[in-house]
């Protein structure tokens, strides 16, 4: 047994990431979709794909709530069939441009890990955010 006890020089908590906007807390919306643990989405995924593109809200019926619902639905479908060690990957089809109408299939990852207090939480992100 080793007596090695490294000193922590710096740590960045989940709470700090949420306060800084690096993660977006979507726990209340996730609970409505049936999730039982806290859920956050990376800022990149949130701002690039979850927030509807300009001009699509009225003309295409896009909403933040609907796009979150789509992501949660696809995650639940993927999670029920496959996990790859610490994460599950899934794809969501997002309308990314109204004119010309452009749909993009986006690969997302969901990772379950500990929050700042060691309790389980879920983070949804783009693979490049990992």
N, C-alpha and C. Protein backbone atom coordinates (compact mmCIF):
# COMPACT_ATOMS: atom_id res chain seq x y z
N UNK A 1 0.84 -1.18 0.00
CA UNK A 1 0.00 0.00 0.00
C UNK A 1 0.88 1.24 0.00
N UNK A 2 0.51 2.21 -0.79
CA UNK A 2 1.31 3.42 -0.95
C UNK A 2 0.83 4.52 -0.01
N UNK A 3 1.73 5.37 0.40
CA UNK A 3 1.39 6.53 1.20
C UNK A 3 1.26 7.77 0.34
N UNK A 4 1.16 7.58 -0.96
CA UNK A 4 1.07 8.69 -1.91
C UNK A 4 -0.29 9.36 -1.78
N UNK A 5 -0.31 10.61 -1.40
CA UNK A 5 -1.53 11.40 -1.27
C UNK A 5 -1.33 12.72 -2.02
N UNK A 6 -1.64 12.74 -3.31
CA UNK A 6 -1.38 13.95 -4.08
C UNK A 6 -2.25 15.11 -3.60
N UNK A 7 -1.70 16.30 -3.67
CA UNK A 7 -2.42 17.51 -3.31
C UNK A 7 -3.22 17.97 -4.52
N UNK A 8 -4.48 18.26 -4.31
CA UNK A 8 -5.31 18.77 -5.40
C UNK A 8 -4.96 20.24 -5.60
N UNK A 9 -4.53 20.56 -6.80
CA UNK A 9 -4.13 21.92 -7.10
C UNK A 9 -5.34 22.74 -7.54
N UNK A 10 -6.23 22.13 -8.32
CA UNK A 10 -7.38 22.85 -8.83
C UNK A 10 -8.48 21.85 -9.16
N UNK A 11 -9.71 22.24 -8.92
CA UNK A 11 -10.84 21.42 -9.34
C UNK A 11 -11.92 22.34 -9.89
N UNK A 12 -12.68 21.84 -10.82
CA UNK A 12 -13.77 22.59 -11.46
C UNK A 12 -15.02 21.78 -11.25
N UNK A 13 -15.94 22.28 -10.46
CA UNK A 13 -17.12 21.50 -10.08
C UNK A 13 -18.23 21.63 -11.12
N UNK A 14 -19.16 20.71 -11.04
CA UNK A 14 -20.34 20.76 -11.90
C UNK A 14 -21.12 22.04 -11.64
N UNK A 15 -21.24 22.41 -10.37
CA UNK A 15 -21.95 23.65 -10.02
C UNK A 15 -21.28 24.87 -10.65
N UNK A 16 -19.96 24.89 -10.66
CA UNK A 16 -19.24 25.99 -11.30
C UNK A 16 -19.48 25.99 -12.81
N UNK A 17 -19.47 24.81 -13.41
CA UNK A 17 -19.72 24.71 -14.86
C UNK A 17 -21.11 25.22 -15.21
N UNK A 18 -22.09 24.93 -14.38
CA UNK A 18 -23.45 25.44 -14.61
C UNK A 18 -23.48 26.95 -14.41
N UNK A 19 -22.86 27.44 -13.34
CA UNK A 19 -22.83 28.89 -13.08
C UNK A 19 -22.11 29.64 -14.21
N UNK A 20 -21.07 29.03 -14.77
CA UNK A 20 -20.30 29.66 -15.85
C UNK A 20 -20.98 29.54 -17.22
N UNK A 21 -22.01 28.70 -17.33
CA UNK A 21 -22.66 28.50 -18.61
C UNK A 21 -22.02 27.44 -19.48
N UNK A 22 -21.04 26.72 -18.95
CA UNK A 22 -20.42 25.62 -19.69
C UNK A 22 -21.39 24.45 -19.80
N UNK A 23 -22.19 24.27 -18.76
CA UNK A 23 -23.29 23.30 -18.75
C UNK A 23 -24.59 24.05 -18.52
N UNK A 24 -25.66 23.59 -19.14
CA UNK A 24 -26.98 24.17 -18.97
C UNK A 24 -27.83 23.16 -18.19
N UNK A 25 -28.33 23.56 -17.04
CA UNK A 25 -29.15 22.67 -16.22
C UNK A 25 -30.55 22.55 -16.83
N UNK A 26 -30.93 21.34 -17.21
CA UNK A 26 -32.25 21.08 -17.79
C UNK A 26 -33.00 20.04 -16.95
N UNK A 27 -32.67 20.00 -15.67
CA UNK A 27 -33.25 18.98 -14.78
C UNK A 27 -34.77 19.04 -14.75
N UNK A 28 -35.35 20.24 -14.65
CA UNK A 28 -36.81 20.31 -14.55
C UNK A 28 -37.48 19.78 -15.82
N UNK A 29 -36.94 20.10 -16.99
CA UNK A 29 -37.50 19.58 -18.24
C UNK A 29 -37.28 18.07 -18.34
N UNK A 30 -36.13 17.60 -17.87
CA UNK A 30 -35.83 16.17 -17.91
C UNK A 30 -36.76 15.40 -16.99
N UNK A 31 -37.08 15.97 -15.84
CA UNK A 31 -38.01 15.30 -14.92
C UNK A 31 -39.38 15.13 -15.57
N UNK A 32 -39.81 16.13 -16.33
CA UNK A 32 -41.09 16.02 -17.05
C UNK A 32 -41.05 14.88 -18.06
N UNK A 33 -39.85 14.57 -18.56
CA UNK A 33 -39.68 13.47 -19.53
C UNK A 33 -39.42 12.13 -18.84
N UNK A 34 -39.40 12.13 -17.50
CA UNK A 34 -39.27 10.88 -16.77
C UNK A 34 -37.90 10.59 -16.18
N UNK A 35 -36.95 11.50 -16.32
CA UNK A 35 -35.63 11.29 -15.74
C UNK A 35 -35.68 11.53 -14.24
N UNK A 36 -34.95 10.72 -13.50
CA UNK A 36 -35.01 10.77 -12.03
C UNK A 36 -33.78 11.44 -11.41
N UNK A 37 -32.75 11.71 -12.20
CA UNK A 37 -31.52 12.32 -11.67
C UNK A 37 -31.30 13.66 -12.36
N UNK A 38 -30.46 14.53 -11.78
CA UNK A 38 -30.18 15.82 -12.43
C UNK A 38 -29.58 15.64 -13.82
N UNK A 39 -29.97 16.53 -14.73
CA UNK A 39 -29.51 16.46 -16.12
C UNK A 39 -29.01 17.84 -16.55
N UNK A 40 -27.86 17.85 -17.20
CA UNK A 40 -27.32 19.07 -17.79
C UNK A 40 -26.90 18.78 -19.22
N UNK A 41 -26.91 19.81 -20.05
CA UNK A 41 -26.51 19.71 -21.45
C UNK A 41 -25.33 20.64 -21.67
N UNK A 42 -24.36 20.21 -22.45
CA UNK A 42 -23.22 21.06 -22.75
C UNK A 42 -23.69 22.32 -23.48
N UNK A 43 -22.98 23.41 -23.26
CA UNK A 43 -23.34 24.67 -23.90
C UNK A 43 -23.30 24.55 -25.42
N UNK A 44 -22.32 23.81 -25.94
CA UNK A 44 -22.21 23.66 -27.39
C UNK A 44 -23.46 22.98 -27.97
N UNK A 45 -23.88 21.87 -27.40
CA UNK A 45 -25.07 21.18 -27.88
C UNK A 45 -26.30 22.07 -27.71
N UNK A 46 -26.40 22.71 -26.58
CA UNK A 46 -27.57 23.55 -26.28
C UNK A 46 -27.70 24.70 -27.29
N UNK A 47 -26.62 25.46 -27.47
CA UNK A 47 -26.70 26.64 -28.31
C UNK A 47 -26.67 26.33 -29.81
N UNK A 48 -26.01 25.24 -30.19
CA UNK A 48 -25.93 24.91 -31.62
C UNK A 48 -27.17 24.16 -32.12
N UNK A 49 -27.81 23.38 -31.24
CA UNK A 49 -28.89 22.51 -31.74
C UNK A 49 -30.19 22.57 -30.93
N UNK A 50 -30.12 22.71 -29.62
CA UNK A 50 -31.35 22.70 -28.82
C UNK A 50 -32.12 24.00 -28.99
N UNK A 51 -31.43 25.13 -28.94
CA UNK A 51 -32.07 26.42 -29.19
C UNK A 51 -32.47 26.47 -30.66
N UNK A 52 -33.75 26.70 -30.97
CA UNK A 52 -34.17 26.69 -32.38
C UNK A 52 -33.48 27.79 -33.18
N UNK A 53 -33.11 27.48 -34.43
CA UNK A 53 -32.51 28.50 -35.28
C UNK A 53 -33.49 29.65 -35.52
N UNK A 54 -32.93 30.81 -35.71
CA UNK A 54 -33.75 31.99 -35.97
C UNK A 54 -34.67 31.75 -37.17
N UNK A 55 -35.91 32.14 -37.03
CA UNK A 55 -36.86 32.02 -38.12
C UNK A 55 -37.60 30.69 -38.18
N UNK A 56 -37.30 29.76 -37.29
CA UNK A 56 -37.97 28.46 -37.35
C UNK A 56 -39.08 28.31 -36.31
N UNK A 57 -39.13 29.23 -35.34
CA UNK A 57 -40.12 29.09 -34.27
C UNK A 57 -41.55 29.10 -34.82
N UNK A 58 -41.88 30.12 -35.60
CA UNK A 58 -43.23 30.21 -36.13
C UNK A 58 -43.40 29.45 -37.44
N UNK A 59 -42.47 29.62 -38.36
CA UNK A 59 -42.65 29.02 -39.68
C UNK A 59 -42.53 27.51 -39.67
N UNK A 60 -41.73 26.97 -38.76
CA UNK A 60 -41.50 25.52 -38.74
C UNK A 60 -41.98 24.86 -37.46
N UNK A 61 -42.55 25.61 -36.54
CA UNK A 61 -43.07 25.04 -35.31
C UNK A 61 -42.01 24.53 -34.35
N UNK A 62 -40.81 25.10 -34.43
CA UNK A 62 -39.72 24.68 -33.56
C UNK A 62 -39.79 25.42 -32.22
N UNK A 63 -39.48 24.70 -31.14
CA UNK A 63 -39.43 25.31 -29.82
C UNK A 63 -38.32 24.67 -29.01
N UNK A 64 -37.84 25.39 -28.04
CA UNK A 64 -36.81 24.86 -27.15
C UNK A 64 -37.33 23.60 -26.46
N UNK A 65 -38.54 23.65 -25.96
CA UNK A 65 -39.12 22.51 -25.26
C UNK A 65 -39.25 21.30 -26.16
N UNK A 66 -39.68 21.51 -27.39
CA UNK A 66 -39.85 20.41 -28.34
C UNK A 66 -38.52 19.78 -28.72
N UNK A 67 -37.51 20.60 -28.91
CA UNK A 67 -36.19 20.08 -29.28
C UNK A 67 -35.55 19.34 -28.11
N UNK A 68 -35.75 19.83 -26.88
CA UNK A 68 -35.29 19.09 -25.70
C UNK A 68 -36.01 17.74 -25.62
N UNK A 69 -37.32 17.77 -25.84
CA UNK A 69 -38.12 16.54 -25.80
C UNK A 69 -37.58 15.52 -26.80
N UNK A 70 -37.26 15.97 -28.01
CA UNK A 70 -36.72 15.07 -29.02
C UNK A 70 -35.40 14.44 -28.55
N UNK A 71 -34.53 15.26 -27.97
CA UNK A 71 -33.24 14.75 -27.48
C UNK A 71 -33.46 13.74 -26.35
N UNK A 72 -34.35 14.06 -25.42
CA UNK A 72 -34.62 13.14 -24.31
C UNK A 72 -35.22 11.83 -24.82
N UNK A 73 -36.12 11.92 -25.78
CA UNK A 73 -36.77 10.72 -26.33
C UNK A 73 -35.75 9.80 -26.99
N UNK A 74 -34.86 10.38 -27.80
CA UNK A 74 -33.86 9.57 -28.48
C UNK A 74 -32.85 8.99 -27.48
N UNK A 75 -32.52 9.75 -26.45
CA UNK A 75 -31.63 9.23 -25.41
C UNK A 75 -32.27 8.05 -24.69
N UNK A 76 -33.53 8.17 -24.33
CA UNK A 76 -34.21 7.07 -23.63
C UNK A 76 -34.27 5.82 -24.50
N UNK A 77 -34.51 6.00 -25.79
CA UNK A 77 -34.56 4.85 -26.70
C UNK A 77 -33.19 4.18 -26.78
N UNK A 78 -32.14 4.96 -26.89
CA UNK A 78 -30.79 4.39 -26.97
C UNK A 78 -30.37 3.76 -25.65
N UNK A 79 -30.68 4.41 -24.56
CA UNK A 79 -30.26 3.92 -23.23
C UNK A 79 -30.93 2.60 -22.89
N UNK A 80 -32.09 2.36 -23.44
CA UNK A 80 -32.80 1.11 -23.13
C UNK A 80 -32.18 -0.09 -23.83
N UNK A 81 -31.32 0.16 -24.84
CA UNK A 81 -30.77 -0.96 -25.60
C UNK A 81 -29.26 -1.09 -25.54
N UNK A 82 -28.54 0.01 -25.27
CA UNK A 82 -27.07 -0.12 -25.34
C UNK A 82 -26.37 0.98 -24.53
N UNK A 83 -25.35 0.57 -23.81
CA UNK A 83 -24.42 1.48 -23.13
C UNK A 83 -23.02 1.05 -23.51
N UNK A 84 -22.15 1.99 -23.79
CA UNK A 84 -20.75 1.69 -24.10
C UNK A 84 -19.90 2.13 -22.91
N UNK A 85 -19.74 1.24 -21.95
CA UNK A 85 -19.00 1.51 -20.72
C UNK A 85 -19.61 2.67 -19.96
N UNK A 86 -19.09 3.89 -20.14
CA UNK A 86 -19.56 5.02 -19.33
C UNK A 86 -20.56 5.92 -20.05
N UNK A 87 -20.85 5.64 -21.31
CA UNK A 87 -21.75 6.54 -22.03
C UNK A 87 -22.63 5.77 -23.02
N UNK A 88 -23.66 6.45 -23.47
CA UNK A 88 -24.47 5.93 -24.56
C UNK A 88 -24.46 7.01 -25.65
N UNK A 89 -24.30 6.58 -26.88
CA UNK A 89 -24.37 7.53 -27.99
C UNK A 89 -25.74 7.37 -28.65
N UNK A 90 -26.23 8.47 -29.16
CA UNK A 90 -27.53 8.47 -29.84
C UNK A 90 -27.54 9.61 -30.83
N UNK A 91 -28.44 9.53 -31.78
CA UNK A 91 -28.54 10.56 -32.82
C UNK A 91 -29.90 11.23 -32.76
N UNK A 92 -29.87 12.53 -33.02
CA UNK A 92 -31.10 13.32 -33.04
C UNK A 92 -31.12 14.10 -34.35
N UNK A 93 -32.27 14.14 -35.00
CA UNK A 93 -32.44 14.89 -36.23
C UNK A 93 -32.98 16.28 -35.86
N UNK A 94 -32.19 17.31 -36.14
CA UNK A 94 -32.57 18.69 -35.83
C UNK A 94 -32.74 19.49 -37.10
N UNK A 95 -33.76 20.33 -37.13
CA UNK A 95 -33.90 21.31 -38.20
C UNK A 95 -32.86 22.39 -37.89
N UNK A 96 -31.91 22.61 -38.79
CA UNK A 96 -30.84 23.56 -38.53
C UNK A 96 -30.94 24.82 -39.37
N UNK A 97 -31.84 24.82 -40.36
CA UNK A 97 -32.02 26.00 -41.20
C UNK A 97 -33.41 25.94 -41.82
N UNK A 98 -34.10 27.10 -41.80
CA UNK A 98 -35.45 27.13 -42.34
C UNK A 98 -35.46 27.20 -43.86
N UNK A 99 -34.61 28.05 -44.43
CA UNK A 99 -34.58 28.23 -45.88
C UNK A 99 -33.14 28.17 -46.37
N UNK A 100 -32.76 27.25 -47.21
CA UNK A 100 -33.57 26.08 -47.56
C UNK A 100 -33.69 25.16 -46.35
N UNK A 101 -34.78 24.44 -46.31
CA UNK A 101 -35.04 23.54 -45.16
C UNK A 101 -33.91 22.53 -45.06
N UNK A 102 -33.19 22.60 -43.92
CA UNK A 102 -32.02 21.75 -43.72
C UNK A 102 -32.15 20.99 -42.41
N UNK A 103 -32.05 19.67 -42.50
CA UNK A 103 -32.06 18.81 -41.32
C UNK A 103 -30.67 18.24 -41.12
N UNK A 104 -30.24 18.18 -39.87
CA UNK A 104 -28.92 17.62 -39.56
C UNK A 104 -29.07 16.52 -38.53
N UNK A 105 -28.47 15.37 -38.82
CA UNK A 105 -28.44 14.28 -37.86
C UNK A 105 -27.22 14.50 -36.97
N UNK A 106 -27.47 14.68 -35.68
CA UNK A 106 -26.41 15.06 -34.75
C UNK A 106 -26.14 13.92 -33.78
N UNK A 107 -24.88 13.50 -33.69
CA UNK A 107 -24.51 12.49 -32.71
C UNK A 107 -24.35 13.16 -31.35
N UNK A 108 -24.95 12.56 -30.35
CA UNK A 108 -24.88 13.06 -28.98
C UNK A 108 -24.41 11.94 -28.07
N UNK A 109 -23.83 12.31 -26.96
CA UNK A 109 -23.43 11.35 -25.94
C UNK A 109 -24.12 11.72 -24.64
N UNK A 110 -24.46 10.71 -23.87
CA UNK A 110 -24.97 10.90 -22.52
C UNK A 110 -24.07 10.12 -21.58
N UNK A 111 -23.63 10.79 -20.53
CA UNK A 111 -22.72 10.18 -19.57
C UNK A 111 -23.32 10.28 -18.18
N UNK A 112 -23.38 9.17 -17.48
CA UNK A 112 -23.81 9.18 -16.09
C UNK A 112 -22.55 9.15 -15.23
N UNK A 113 -22.50 10.06 -14.29
CA UNK A 113 -21.35 10.12 -13.39
C UNK A 113 -21.77 10.79 -12.10
N UNK A 114 -20.82 11.01 -11.22
CA UNK A 114 -21.15 11.64 -9.94
C UNK A 114 -21.26 13.16 -10.07
N UNK A 115 -22.17 13.75 -9.27
CA UNK A 115 -22.20 15.20 -9.18
C UNK A 115 -21.17 15.65 -8.14
N UNK A 116 -21.22 16.87 -7.73
CA UNK A 116 -20.23 17.40 -6.79
C UNK A 116 -20.28 16.73 -5.42
N UNK A 117 -21.44 16.11 -5.11
CA UNK A 117 -21.60 15.42 -3.83
C UNK A 117 -21.54 13.91 -3.97
N UNK A 118 -21.18 13.43 -5.16
CA UNK A 118 -21.05 11.99 -5.39
C UNK A 118 -22.33 11.29 -5.77
N UNK A 119 -23.42 12.03 -5.94
CA UNK A 119 -24.69 11.43 -6.37
C UNK A 119 -24.73 11.34 -7.90
N UNK A 120 -25.49 10.40 -8.44
CA UNK A 120 -25.53 10.26 -9.91
C UNK A 120 -26.18 11.46 -10.58
N UNK A 121 -25.64 11.80 -11.72
CA UNK A 121 -26.21 12.84 -12.57
C UNK A 121 -25.91 12.48 -14.01
N UNK A 122 -26.59 13.13 -14.92
CA UNK A 122 -26.47 12.84 -16.34
C UNK A 122 -26.02 14.10 -17.07
N UNK A 123 -25.08 13.93 -17.97
CA UNK A 123 -24.64 15.04 -18.81
C UNK A 123 -24.79 14.62 -20.27
N UNK A 124 -25.47 15.45 -21.05
CA UNK A 124 -25.68 15.21 -22.47
C UNK A 124 -24.81 16.20 -23.24
N UNK A 125 -24.09 15.69 -24.25
CA UNK A 125 -23.11 16.54 -24.93
C UNK A 125 -22.86 16.06 -26.35
N UNK A 126 -22.11 16.85 -27.07
CA UNK A 126 -21.55 16.43 -28.35
C UNK A 126 -20.30 15.61 -28.05
N UNK A 127 -19.94 14.64 -28.88
CA UNK A 127 -18.73 13.87 -28.63
C UNK A 127 -17.50 14.74 -28.45
N UNK A 128 -17.43 15.84 -29.17
CA UNK A 128 -16.26 16.74 -29.07
C UNK A 128 -16.20 17.47 -27.73
N UNK A 129 -17.28 17.45 -26.96
CA UNK A 129 -17.29 18.10 -25.64
C UNK A 129 -16.67 17.22 -24.56
N UNK A 130 -16.46 15.95 -24.87
CA UNK A 130 -15.96 15.01 -23.87
C UNK A 130 -14.51 15.25 -23.54
